[in-house]
Amino acid sequence: MPPKTDILVTVFGAGGFLGRYVAQSLLKTGVRIRAAERDPRRAWYLKPLGGLGQVQFVRADITDRAAVAAAVQGSDAVVNLVGILKGPFQKIHVDGARNVAGAAAAAGVPALVHISAIGADPEAESNYGRTKGEGEQAVRAAFPGATIIRPSIAFGQEDDFINRFARMARLLPILPVIRPSWKLQPVHAADLGKAIALAALDPKNHAGQTYELGGPNVLTMAELNRWICETTLHRRAIAELPDPVGKAIARLTSWAPGAPLTWDQWLMMQRDNVASGPGFEAFGLHPAPLAAVAPAWLVPFRRHGRFAKA
């Protein structure tokens, strides 16, 4: 293996929420990263995380074959983090994933890590789950040795999941919970970043594998919201909405900007988001529980911040 400083990893979607954690894990090993983004300015905040010349940037939209092909040239590994929760699912999750995998194979890149999702299934009812499943098939067809990682819902200081519920708990006297019995396995984005970096740098042990990565605890949506209220010191009543009510909300409001739940997300929540099969143990990692990480950054959501009485 060449010296770490000679290894180049191209990361598509490096400027996103998960991208910062993947970049941090890679940079700590001494490798160089090439941040590929439609607008490279989204990833400029990564530059101070590395040493001189350790981070470079390239403009690349994964739906543009030529741009993707140029972005992967000279890479020792490629990571595709790009995904969406609403919008042109087929274009991003399937066609874009195929472009990245095909370009990596054509360039002779030794390792490809593709980020999918728990529940990815070509037969899924939701567009998200279906296209994630079809995307996996497209990646495998183009790059059989790709490592596919299916995370549960990731949390971290910059997320729009735990923080969204914390904002609601701060503002609303009663906290409505849609699909209160839905199970998820929140996973810390830093742990995901470590696993993804290991998969990219060690294809000998991880090529061709599919991993499902979740945190150490399985929670229902109702349990998660109660925990957030307790942690932020807000005594809120939890209103567990019956499924017919939640379904109506998703059906009638999903078109609106800032809607609490889209129809596609409602369909996704008909299946629990819990990991099965090979997971973090394959990387020798022990993921951190939500309760060990989140309270520190949730302090601002308390009524009096860090001066609130615990």
C-alpha atoms as a PDB file:
ATOM      1  CA  MET A   1       0.000   0.000   0.000  1.00  0.00           C
ATOM      2  CA  PRO A   2       1.358   3.478  -0.863  1.00  0.00           C
ATOM      3  CA  PRO A   3       2.073   5.963   1.934  1.00  0.00           C
ATOM      4  CA  LYS A   4      -1.114   7.481   3.324  1.00  0.00           C
ATOM      5  CA  THR A   5      -0.232  10.900   1.890  1.00  0.00           C
ATOM      6  CA  ASP A   6      -0.271   9.353  -1.605  1.00  0.00           C
ATOM      7  CA  ILE A   7      -3.787   7.940  -1.190  1.00  0.00           C
ATOM      8  CA  LEU A   8      -6.609  10.007  -2.664  1.00  0.00           C
ATOM      9  CA  VAL A   9     -10.257   9.413  -1.741  1.00  0.00           C
ATOM     10  CA  THR A  10     -12.958  11.181  -3.745  1.00  0.00           C
ATOM     11  CA  VAL A  11     -16.073  11.837  -1.669  1.00  0.00           C
ATOM     12  CA  PHE A  12     -19.282  12.756  -3.481  1.00  0.00           C
ATOM     13  CA  GLY A  13     -21.505  14.764  -1.142  1.00  0.00           C
ATOM     14  CA  ALA A  14     -18.623  15.699   1.157  1.00  0.00           C
ATOM     15  CA  GLY A  15     -20.269  19.008   2.023  1.00  0.00           C
ATOM     16  CA  GLY A  16     -23.383  17.408   3.529  1.00  0.00           C
ATOM     17  CA  PHE A  17     -24.242  16.471   7.096  1.00  0.00           C
ATOM     18  CA  LEU A  18     -22.576  13.050   7.002  1.00  0.00           C
ATOM     19  CA  GLY A  19     -19.793  14.265   4.734  1.00  0.00           C
ATOM     20  CA  ARG A  20     -18.036  16.241   7.462  1.00  0.00           C
ATOM     21  CA  TYR A  21     -17.760  13.134   9.631  1.00  0.00           C
ATOM     22  CA  VAL A  22     -16.500  10.949   6.797  1.00  0.00           C
ATOM     23  CA  ALA A  23     -13.953  13.636   5.878  1.00  0.00           C
ATOM     24  CA  GLN A  24     -12.750  13.961   9.470  1.00  0.00           C
ATOM     25  CA  SER A  25     -12.223  10.205   9.766  1.00  0.00           C
ATOM     26  CA  LEU A  26     -10.359  10.020   6.469  1.00  0.00           C
ATOM     27  CA  LEU A  27      -8.192  13.060   7.163  1.00  0.00           C
ATOM     28  CA  LYS A  28      -7.128  11.680  10.531  1.00  0.00           C
ATOM     29  CA  THR A  29      -5.505   8.739   8.730  1.00  0.00           C
ATOM     30  CA  GLY A  30      -3.361  11.099   6.657  1.00  0.00           C
ATOM     31  CA  VAL A  31      -4.969  10.451   3.268  1.00  0.00           C
ATOM     32  CA  ARG A  32      -5.995  13.211   0.884  1.00  0.00           C
ATOM     33  CA  ILE A  33      -9.608  13.786   0.000  1.00  0.00           C
ATOM     34  CA  ARG A  34     -11.231  15.302  -3.051  1.00  0.00           C
ATOM     35  CA  ALA A  35     -14.587  16.833  -2.127  1.00  0.00           C
ATOM     36  CA  ALA A  36     -16.956  16.490  -5.086  1.00  0.00           C
ATOM     37  CA  GLU A  37     -20.005  18.769  -4.941  1.00  0.00           C
ATOM     38  CA  ARG A  38     -22.381  20.465  -7.363  1.00  0.00           C
ATOM     39  CA  ASP A  39     -21.282  23.678  -5.650  1.00  0.00           C
ATOM     40  CA  PRO A  40     -17.821  23.176  -4.087  1.00  0.00           C
ATOM     41  CA  ARG A  41     -18.426  26.148  -1.796  1.00  0.00           C
ATOM     42  CA  ARG A  42     -20.697  23.860   0.278  1.00  0.00           C
ATOM     43  CA  ALA A  43     -17.601  21.885   1.271  1.00  0.00           C
ATOM     44  CA  TRP A  44     -15.097  24.678   1.826  1.00  0.00           C
ATOM     45  CA  TYR A  45     -15.536  24.395   5.585  1.00  0.00           C
ATOM     46  CA  LEU A  46     -13.636  21.081   5.362  1.00  0.00           C
ATOM     47  CA  LYS A  47     -10.348  22.717   4.356  1.00  0.00           C
ATOM     48  CA  PRO A  48      -9.142  23.638   7.871  1.00  0.00           C
ATOM     49  CA  LEU A  49      -9.805  20.068   9.017  1.00  0.00           C
ATOM     50  CA  GLY A  50      -6.804  18.826   7.038  1.00  0.00           C
ATOM     51  CA  GLY A  51      -3.199  19.782   6.552  1.00  0.00           C
ATOM     52  CA  LEU A  52      -1.748  21.829   3.717  1.00  0.00           C
ATOM     53  CA  GLY A  53      -2.950  20.370   0.428  1.00  0.00           C
ATOM     54  CA  GLN A  54      -4.802  17.509   2.101  1.00  0.00           C
ATOM     55  CA  VAL A  55      -8.247  18.674   0.924  1.00  0.00           C
ATOM     56  CA  GLN A  56      -9.088  19.589  -2.646  1.00  0.00           C
ATOM     57  CA  PHE A  57     -12.382  20.443  -4.321  1.00  0.00           C
ATOM     58  CA  VAL A  58     -14.032  19.618  -7.607  1.00  0.00           C
ATOM     59  CA  ARG A  59     -17.345  20.622  -9.146  1.00  0.00           C
ATOM     60  CA  ALA A  60     -19.333  17.498  -9.971  1.00  0.00           C
ATOM     61  CA  ASP A  61     -23.029  16.695 -10.199  1.00  0.00           C
ATOM     62  CA  ILE A  62     -23.550  12.924  -9.972  1.00  0.00           C
ATOM     63  CA  THR A  63     -26.133  13.144 -12.756  1.00  0.00           C
ATOM     64  CA  ASP A  64     -23.412  14.475 -15.115  1.00  0.00           C
ATOM     65  CA  ARG A  65     -21.412  11.489 -16.384  1.00  0.00           C
ATOM     66  CA  ALA A  66     -18.545  13.540 -17.740  1.00  0.00           C
ATOM     67  CA  ALA A  67     -18.139  15.505 -14.517  1.00  0.00           C
ATOM     68  CA  VAL A  68     -18.248  12.321 -12.438  1.00  0.00           C
ATOM     69  CA  ALA A  69     -15.674  10.626 -14.657  1.00  0.00           C
ATOM     70  CA  ALA A  70     -13.330  13.590 -14.290  1.00  0.00           C
ATOM     71  CA  ALA A  71     -13.818  13.692 -10.524  1.00  0.00           C
ATOM     72  CA  VAL A  72     -12.780  10.076  -9.923  1.00  0.00           C
ATOM     73  CA  GLN A  73      -9.618  10.136 -12.050  1.00  0.00           C
ATOM     74  CA  GLY A  74      -6.545   9.190 -10.017  1.00  0.00           C
ATOM     75  CA  SER A  75      -8.572   8.111  -6.988  1.00  0.00           C
ATOM     76  CA  ASP A  76      -7.632   5.184  -4.776  1.00  0.00           C
ATOM     77  CA  ALA A  77     -11.166   5.030  -3.361  1.00  0.00           C
ATOM     78  CA  VAL A  78     -14.536   6.644  -4.029  1.00  0.00           C
ATOM     79  CA  VAL A  79     -17.343   7.276  -1.554  1.00  0.00           C
ATOM     80  CA  ASN A  80     -20.860   8.211  -2.649  1.00  0.00           C
ATOM     81  CA  LEU A  81     -22.842   9.896   0.121  1.00  0.00           C
ATOM     82  CA  VAL A  82     -25.388  11.645  -2.095  1.00  0.00           C
ATOM     83  CA  GLY A  83     -29.044  11.069  -1.248  1.00  0.00           C
ATOM     84  CA  ILE A  84     -32.295  13.018  -0.967  1.00  0.00           C
ATOM     85  CA  LEU A  85     -35.510  12.753   1.049  1.00  0.00           C
ATOM     86  CA  LYS A  86     -37.670  14.459  -1.552  1.00  0.00           C
ATOM     87  CA  GLY A  87     -37.263  15.350  -5.207  1.00  0.00           C
ATOM     88  CA  PRO A  88     -36.004  13.403  -8.254  1.00  0.00           C
ATOM     89  CA  PHE A  89     -35.329  10.084  -6.509  1.00  0.00           C
ATOM     90  CA  GLN A  90     -34.678   8.108  -9.692  1.00  0.00           C
ATOM     91  CA  LYS A  91     -32.254  10.677 -11.020  1.00  0.00           C
ATOM     92  CA  ILE A  92     -30.167  10.809  -7.834  1.00  0.00           C
ATOM     93  CA  HIS A  93     -30.490   7.401  -6.164  1.00  0.00           C
ATOM     94  CA  VAL A  94     -30.382   5.246  -9.306  1.00  0.00           C
ATOM     95  CA  ASP A  95     -28.960   7.124 -12.298  1.00  0.00           C
ATOM     96  CA  GLY A  96     -26.490   9.114 -10.204  1.00  0.00           C
ATOM     97  CA  ALA A  97     -25.361   6.060  -8.241  1.00  0.00           C
ATOM     98  CA  ARG A  98     -24.862   4.188 -11.530  1.00  0.00           C
ATOM     99  CA  ASN A  99     -22.780   7.065 -12.897  1.00  0.00           C
ATOM    100  CA  VAL A 100     -20.467   7.048  -9.880  1.00  0.00           C
ATOM    101  CA  ALA A 101     -20.044   3.266  -9.857  1.00  0.00           C
ATOM    102  CA  GLY A 102     -19.508   3.095 -13.605  1.00  0.00           C
ATOM    103  CA  ALA A 103     -16.942   5.888 -13.569  1.00  0.00           C
ATOM    104  CA  ALA A 104     -15.065   4.308 -10.648  1.00  0.00           C
ATOM    105  CA  ALA A 105     -14.949   0.955 -12.460  1.00  0.00           C
ATOM    106  CA  ALA A 106     -13.826   2.534 -15.747  1.00  0.00           C
ATOM    107  CA  ALA A 107     -11.057   4.425 -13.945  1.00  0.00           C
ATOM    108  CA  GLY A 108      -9.828   1.275 -12.215  1.00  0.00           C
ATOM    109  CA  VAL A 109     -10.488   2.636  -8.730  1.00  0.00           C
ATOM    110  CA  PRO A 110      -9.759  -0.141  -6.191  1.00  0.00           C
ATOM    111  CA  ALA A 111     -12.556   0.669  -3.730  1.00  0.00           C
ATOM    112  CA  LEU A 112     -16.086   2.076  -3.852  1.00  0.00           C
ATOM    113  CA  VAL A 113     -18.321   2.701  -0.849  1.00  0.00           C
ATOM    114  CA  HIS A 114     -21.970   3.387  -1.613  1.00  0.00           C
ATOM    115  CA  ILE A 115     -24.256   4.745   1.103  1.00  0.00           C
ATOM    116  CA  SER A 116     -27.763   3.346   0.871  1.00  0.00           C
ATOM    117  CA  ALA A 117     -30.355   3.038   3.653  1.00  0.00           C
ATOM    118  CA  ILE A 118     -32.029   0.456   5.852  1.00  0.00           C
ATOM    119  CA  GLY A 119     -35.209  -0.526   4.056  1.00  0.00           C
ATOM    120  CA  ALA A 120     -33.680  -0.235   0.589  1.00  0.00           C
ATOM    121  CA  ASP A 121     -35.748  -2.579  -1.554  1.00  0.00           C
ATOM    122  CA  PRO A 122     -36.634  -2.481  -5.275  1.00  0.00           C
ATOM    123  CA  GLU A 123     -40.129  -3.625  -4.247  1.00  0.00           C
ATOM    124  CA  ALA A 124     -40.602  -0.966  -1.556  1.00  0.00           C
ATOM    125  CA  GLU A 125     -43.798   1.065  -1.684  1.00  0.00           C
ATOM    126  CA  SER A 126     -42.031   4.362  -0.994  1.00  0.00           C
ATOM    127  CA  ASN A 127     -40.101   6.041  -3.797  1.00  0.00           C
ATOM    128  CA  TYR A 128     -37.191   6.555  -1.413  1.00  0.00           C
ATOM    129  CA  GLY A 129     -36.896   2.882  -0.433  1.00  0.00           C
ATOM    130  CA  ARG A 130     -37.516   1.626  -3.963  1.00  0.00           C
ATOM    131  CA  THR A 131     -34.915   3.858  -5.605  1.00  0.00           C
ATOM    132  CA  LYS A 132     -32.392   3.127  -2.872  1.00  0.00           C
ATOM    133  CA  GLY A 133     -32.871  -0.576  -3.627  1.00  0.00           C
ATOM    134  CA  GLU A 134     -32.610  -0.040  -7.371  1.00  0.00           C
ATOM    135  CA  GLY A 135     -29.545   2.112  -6.765  1.00  0.00           C
ATOM    136  CA  GLU A 136     -27.860  -0.760  -4.948  1.00  0.00           C
ATOM    137  CA  GLN A 137     -28.579  -3.029  -7.911  1.00  0.00           C
ATOM    138  CA  ALA A 138     -27.150  -0.461 -10.334  1.00  0.00           C
ATOM    139  CA  VAL A 139     -23.996  -0.092  -8.230  1.00  0.00           C
ATOM    140  CA  ARG A 140     -23.461  -3.851  -7.954  1.00  0.00           C
ATOM    141  CA  ALA A 141     -23.921  -4.273 -11.720  1.00  0.00           C
ATOM    142  CA  ALA A 142     -21.323  -1.605 -12.505  1.00  0.00           C
ATOM    143  CA  PHE A 143     -18.901  -2.263  -9.626  1.00  0.00           C
ATOM    144  CA  PRO A 144     -19.432  -5.763  -8.136  1.00  0.00           C
ATOM    145  CA  GLY A 145     -16.850  -5.193  -5.397  1.00  0.00           C
ATOM    146  CA  ALA A 146     -18.553  -2.100  -3.996  1.00  0.00           C
ATOM    147  CA  THR A 147     -19.161  -1.925  -0.249  1.00  0.00           C
ATOM    148  CA  ILE A 148     -22.775  -0.988   0.457  1.00  0.00           C
ATOM    149  CA  ILE A 149     -23.597   0.607   3.790  1.00  0.00           C
ATOM    150  CA  ARG A 150     -27.181   0.942   4.974  1.00  0.00           C
ATOM    151  CA  PRO A 151     -27.392   3.243   7.996  1.00  0.00           C
ATOM    152  CA  SER A 152     -30.340   3.789  10.291  1.00  0.00           C
ATOM    153  CA  ILE A 153     -31.204   7.439  10.952  1.00  0.00           C
ATOM    154  CA  ALA A 154     -28.025   9.366  11.730  1.00  0.00           C
ATOM    155  CA  PHE A 155     -27.829  11.931  14.492  1.00  0.00           C
ATOM    156  CA  GLY A 156     -25.245  14.591  15.232  1.00  0.00           C
ATOM    157  CA  GLN A 157     -24.903  18.184  16.308  1.00  0.00           C
ATOM    158  CA  GLU A 158     -25.841  19.485  12.842  1.00  0.00           C
ATOM    159  CA  ASP A 159     -28.675  17.060  12.116  1.00  0.00           C
ATOM    160  CA  ASP A 160     -32.232  17.978  11.166  1.00  0.00           C
ATOM    161  CA  PHE A 161     -33.788  15.103  13.078  1.00  0.00           C
ATOM    162  CA  ILE A 162     -33.064  15.225  16.812  1.00  0.00           C
ATOM    163  CA  ASN A 163     -32.698  19.004  16.588  1.00  0.00           C
ATOM    164  CA  ARG A 164     -36.081  19.339  14.869  1.00  0.00           C
ATOM    165  CA  PHE A 165     -37.880  17.505  17.679  1.00  0.00           C
ATOM    166  CA  ALA A 166     -35.927  19.503  20.264  1.00  0.00           C
ATOM    167  CA  ARG A 167     -37.125  22.738  18.664  1.00  0.00           C
ATOM    168  CA  MET A 168     -40.696  21.456  18.736  1.00  0.00           C
ATOM    169  CA  ALA A 169     -40.351  20.507  22.407  1.00  0.00           C
ATOM    170  CA  ARG A 170     -39.151  24.021  23.187  1.00  0.00           C
ATOM    171  CA  LEU A 171     -41.989  25.757  21.333  1.00  0.00           C
ATOM    172  CA  LEU A 172     -45.068  23.541  21.670  1.00  0.00           C
ATOM    173  CA  PRO A 173     -47.026  22.884  24.879  1.00  0.00           C
ATOM    174  CA  ILE A 174     -48.035  19.470  23.535  1.00  0.00           C
ATOM    175  CA  LEU A 175     -45.715  17.432  21.359  1.00  0.00           C
ATOM    176  CA  PRO A 176     -47.575  15.501  18.621  1.00  0.00           C
ATOM    177  CA  VAL A 177     -45.917  12.262  17.532  1.00  0.00           C
ATOM    178  CA  ILE A 178     -46.749  10.640  14.209  1.00  0.00           C
ATOM    179  CA  ARG A 179     -46.274   6.858  14.026  1.00  0.00           C
ATOM    180  CA  PRO A 180     -45.438   6.645  17.762  1.00  0.00           C
ATOM    181  CA  SER A 181     -44.750   2.886  17.594  1.00  0.00           C
ATOM    182  CA  TRP A 182     -42.325   3.144  14.664  1.00  0.00           C
ATOM    183  CA  LYS A 183     -38.934   1.737  15.664  1.00  0.00           C
ATOM    184  CA  LEU A 184     -35.589   3.217  14.740  1.00  0.00           C
ATOM    185  CA  GLN A 185     -31.987   2.682  15.779  1.00  0.00           C
ATOM    186  CA  PRO A 186     -30.333   6.131  15.840  1.00  0.00           C
ATOM    187  CA  VAL A 187     -26.658   6.023  14.934  1.00  0.00           C
ATOM    188  CA  HIS A 188     -24.092   8.709  15.674  1.00  0.00           C
ATOM    189  CA  ALA A 189     -22.782  10.273  12.466  1.00  0.00           C
ATOM    190  CA  ALA A 190     -19.217  10.157  13.831  1.00  0.00           C
ATOM    191  CA  ASP A 191     -19.423   6.369  14.142  1.00  0.00           C
ATOM    192  CA  LEU A 192     -20.831   6.133  10.624  1.00  0.00           C
ATOM    193  CA  GLY A 193     -17.973   8.293   9.380  1.00  0.00           C
ATOM    194  CA  LYS A 194     -15.406   5.962  10.946  1.00  0.00           C
ATOM    195  CA  ALA A 195     -16.989   2.860   9.419  1.00  0.00           C
ATOM    196  CA  ILE A 196     -17.227   4.441   5.967  1.00  0.00           C
ATOM    197  CA  ALA A 197     -13.580   5.531   6.111  1.00  0.00           C
ATOM    198  CA  LEU A 198     -12.477   2.034   7.145  1.00  0.00           C
ATOM    199  CA  ALA A 199     -14.481   0.471   4.310  1.00  0.00           C
ATOM    200  CA  ALA A 200     -12.921   2.850   1.772  1.00  0.00           C
ATOM    201  CA  LEU A 201      -9.359   2.240   2.932  1.00  0.00           C
ATOM    202  CA  ASP A 202      -9.606  -1.526   3.434  1.00  0.00           C
ATOM    203  CA  PRO A 203     -11.325  -3.067   0.390  1.00  0.00           C
ATOM    204  CA  LYS A 204      -9.513  -6.349   1.052  1.00  0.00           C
ATOM    205  CA  ASN A 205     -11.803  -6.958   4.039  1.00  0.00           C
ATOM    206  CA  HIS A 206     -14.918  -5.034   3.003  1.00  0.00           C
ATOM    207  CA  ALA A 207     -15.260  -5.213  -0.792  1.00  0.00           C
ATOM    208  CA  GLY A 208     -18.520  -6.768  -1.940  1.00  0.00           C
ATOM    209  CA  GLN A 209     -20.083  -6.615   1.523  1.00  0.00           C
ATOM    210  CA  THR A 210     -23.361  -5.048   2.611  1.00  0.00           C
ATOM    211  CA  TYR A 211     -23.577  -3.687   6.151  1.00  0.00           C
ATOM    212  CA  GLU A 212     -26.509  -2.332   8.146  1.00  0.00           C
ATOM    213  CA  LEU A 213     -25.355   0.158  10.755  1.00  0.00           C
ATOM    214  CA  GLY A 214     -27.468   1.243  13.705  1.00  0.00           C
ATOM    215  CA  GLY A 215     -26.749   2.515  17.185  1.00  0.00           C
ATOM    216  CA  PRO A 216     -26.819   0.311  20.299  1.00  0.00           C
ATOM    217  CA  ASN A 217     -30.409   1.193  21.226  1.00  0.00           C
ATOM    218  CA  VAL A 218     -33.733   0.657  19.456  1.00  0.00           C
ATOM    219  CA  LEU A 219     -36.360   3.298  20.281  1.00  0.00           C
ATOM    220  CA  THR A 220     -39.906   4.010  19.211  1.00  0.00           C
ATOM    221  CA  MET A 221     -40.758   7.496  18.023  1.00  0.00           C
ATOM    222  CA  ALA A 222     -42.734   8.077  21.223  1.00  0.00           C
ATOM    223  CA  GLU A 223     -39.775   6.967  23.378  1.00  0.00           C
ATOM    224  CA  LEU A 224     -37.402   9.171  21.401  1.00  0.00           C
ATOM    225  CA  ASN A 225     -39.561  12.258  21.860  1.00  0.00           C
ATOM    226  CA  ARG A 226     -39.998  11.592  25.583  1.00  0.00           C
ATOM    227  CA  TRP A 227     -36.231  11.297  25.934  1.00  0.00           C
ATOM    228  CA  ILE A 228     -35.703  14.593  24.098  1.00  0.00           C
ATOM    229  CA  CYS A 229     -38.204  16.343  26.367  1.00  0.00           C
ATOM    230  CA  GLU A 230     -36.526  14.955  29.484  1.00  0.00           C
ATOM    231  CA  THR A 231     -33.050  15.862  28.243  1.00  0.00           C
ATOM    232  CA  THR A 232     -34.022  19.438  27.366  1.00  0.00           C
ATOM    233  CA  LEU A 233     -35.948  19.795  30.656  1.00  0.00           C
ATOM    234  CA  HIS A 234     -39.288  20.479  28.989  1.00  0.00           C
ATOM    235  CA  ARG A 235     -42.271  18.880  30.666  1.00  0.00           C
ATOM    236  CA  ARG A 236     -44.379  18.325  27.597  1.00  0.00           C
ATOM    237  CA  ALA A 237     -47.380  16.117  27.113  1.00  0.00           C
ATOM    238  CA  ILE A 238     -46.799  13.609  24.316  1.00  0.00           C
ATOM    239  CA  ALA A 239     -49.778  13.245  21.976  1.00  0.00           C
ATOM    240  CA  GLU A 240     -49.440   9.895  20.201  1.00  0.00           C
ATOM    241  CA  LEU A 241     -51.419  10.447  17.011  1.00  0.00           C
ATOM    242  CA  PRO A 242     -53.421   7.454  15.718  1.00  0.00           C
ATOM    243  CA  ASP A 243     -52.277   6.207  12.321  1.00  0.00           C
ATOM    244  CA  PRO A 244     -55.400   7.466  10.487  1.00  0.00           C
ATOM    245  CA  VAL A 245     -54.629  10.980  11.745  1.00  0.00           C
ATOM    246  CA  GLY A 246     -50.938  10.758  10.857  1.00  0.00           C
ATOM    247  CA  LYS A 247     -51.802   9.361   7.442  1.00  0.00           C
ATOM    248  CA  ALA A 248     -54.195  12.236   6.778  1.00  0.00           C
ATOM    249  CA  ILE A 249     -51.567  14.801   7.809  1.00  0.00           C
ATOM    250  CA  ALA A 250     -49.008  13.256   5.466  1.00  0.00           C
ATOM    251  CA  ARG A 251     -51.495  13.012   2.598  1.00  0.00           C
ATOM    252  CA  LEU A 252     -52.898  16.545   2.933  1.00  0.00           C
ATOM    253  CA  THR A 253     -49.810  18.587   3.840  1.00  0.00           C
ATOM    254  CA  SER A 254     -46.872  16.868   2.131  1.00  0.00           C
ATOM    255  CA  TRP A 255     -46.975  19.367  -0.749  1.00  0.00           C
ATOM    256  CA  ALA A 256     -46.296  22.320   1.565  1.00  0.00           C
ATOM    257  CA  PRO A 257     -42.773  23.643   2.208  1.00  0.00           C
ATOM    258  CA  GLY A 258     -41.699  22.624   5.698  1.00  0.00           C
ATOM    259  CA  ALA A 259     -44.394  19.951   5.961  1.00  0.00           C
ATOM    260  CA  PRO A 260     -43.886  17.759   9.054  1.00  0.00           C
ATOM    261  CA  LEU A 261     -44.053  14.604   6.970  1.00  0.00           C
ATOM    262  CA  THR A 262     -44.219  13.871   3.261  1.00  0.00           C
ATOM    263  CA  TRP A 263     -46.385  11.090   1.859  1.00  0.00           C
ATOM    264  CA  ASP A 264     -43.268   9.193   0.821  1.00  0.00           C
ATOM    265  CA  GLN A 265     -41.874   9.443   4.347  1.00  0.00           C
ATOM    266  CA  TRP A 266     -45.175   8.121   5.683  1.00  0.00           C
ATOM    267  CA  LEU A 267     -44.793   5.101   3.424  1.00  0.00           C
ATOM    268  CA  MET A 268     -41.211   4.632   4.604  1.00  0.00           C
ATOM    269  CA  MET A 269     -42.379   4.606   8.212  1.00  0.00           C
ATOM    270  CA  GLN A 270     -44.576   1.583   7.637  1.00  0.00           C
ATOM    271  CA  ARG A 271     -41.406  -0.489   8.057  1.00  0.00           C
ATOM    272  CA  ASP A 272     -39.197  -0.274  11.150  1.00  0.00           C
ATOM    273  CA  ASN A 273     -35.764   1.260  10.629  1.00  0.00           C
ATOM    274  CA  VAL A 274     -33.761  -1.336  12.557  1.00  0.00           C
ATOM    275  CA  ALA A 275     -30.457  -2.889  11.476  1.00  0.00           C
ATOM    276  CA  SER A 276     -29.992  -6.594  10.801  1.00  0.00           C
ATOM    277  CA  GLY A 277     -27.084  -8.634   9.528  1.00  0.00           C
ATOM    278  CA  PRO A 278     -23.396  -7.591   9.662  1.00  0.00           C
ATOM    279  CA  GLY A 279     -22.879  -4.236  11.359  1.00  0.00           C
ATOM    280  CA  PHE A 280     -20.325  -2.248  13.323  1.00  0.00           C
ATOM    281  CA  GLU A 281     -18.668  -5.397  14.660  1.00  0.00           C
ATOM    282  CA  ALA A 282     -17.208  -5.945  11.186  1.00  0.00           C
ATOM    283  CA  PHE A 283     -15.206  -2.751  11.686  1.00  0.00           C
ATOM    284  CA  GLY A 284     -14.269  -3.377  15.318  1.00  0.00           C
ATOM    285  CA  LEU A 285     -16.333  -0.356  16.365  1.00  0.00           C
ATOM    286  CA  HIS A 286     -18.720   0.132  19.276  1.00  0.00           C
ATOM    287  CA  PRO A 287     -21.242   2.863  18.373  1.00  0.00           C
ATOM    288  CA  ALA A 288     -22.113   5.477  20.967  1.00  0.00           C
ATOM    289  CA  PRO A 289     -25.669   5.613  22.325  1.00  0.00           C
ATOM    290  CA  LEU A 290     -27.747   8.739  21.806  1.00  0.00           C
ATOM    291  CA  ALA A 291     -27.779   9.449  25.552  1.00  0.00           C
ATOM    292  CA  ALA A 292     -23.974   9.572  25.667  1.00  0.00           C
ATOM    293  CA  VAL A 293     -23.553  12.120  22.896  1.00  0.00           C
ATOM    294  CA  ALA A 294     -26.620  14.286  22.328  1.00  0.00           C
ATOM    295  CA  PRO A 295     -27.178  15.959  25.746  1.00  0.00           C
ATOM    296  CA  ALA A 296     -24.127  18.201  25.308  1.00  0.00           C
ATOM    297  CA  TRP A 297     -25.394  19.850  22.120  1.00  0.00           C
ATOM    298  CA  LEU A 298     -29.047  19.879  23.238  1.00  0.00           C
ATOM    299  CA  VAL A 299     -28.276  22.245  26.118  1.00  0.00           C
ATOM    300  CA  PRO A 300     -29.243  25.362  24.084  1.00  0.00           C
ATOM    301  CA  PHE A 301     -32.767  23.951  23.752  1.00  0.00           C
ATOM    302  CA  ARG A 302     -33.296  24.224  27.497  1.00  0.00           C
ATOM    303  CA  ARG A 303     -35.305  27.251  28.568  1.00  0.00           C
ATOM    304  CA  HIS A 304     -32.313  28.803  30.329  1.00  0.00           C
ATOM    305  CA  GLY A 305     -29.628  27.039  28.354  1.00  0.00           C
ATOM    306  CA  ARG A 306     -26.708  25.780  30.373  1.00  0.00           C
ATOM    307  CA  PHE A 307     -27.936  27.717  33.399  1.00  0.00           C
ATOM    308  CA  ALA A 308     -31.087  25.595  33.637  1.00  0.00           C
ATOM    309  CA  LYS A 309     -31.374  23.354  36.668  1.00  0.00           C
ATOM    310  CA  ALA A 310     -30.929  19.718  35.718  1.00  0.00           C
END
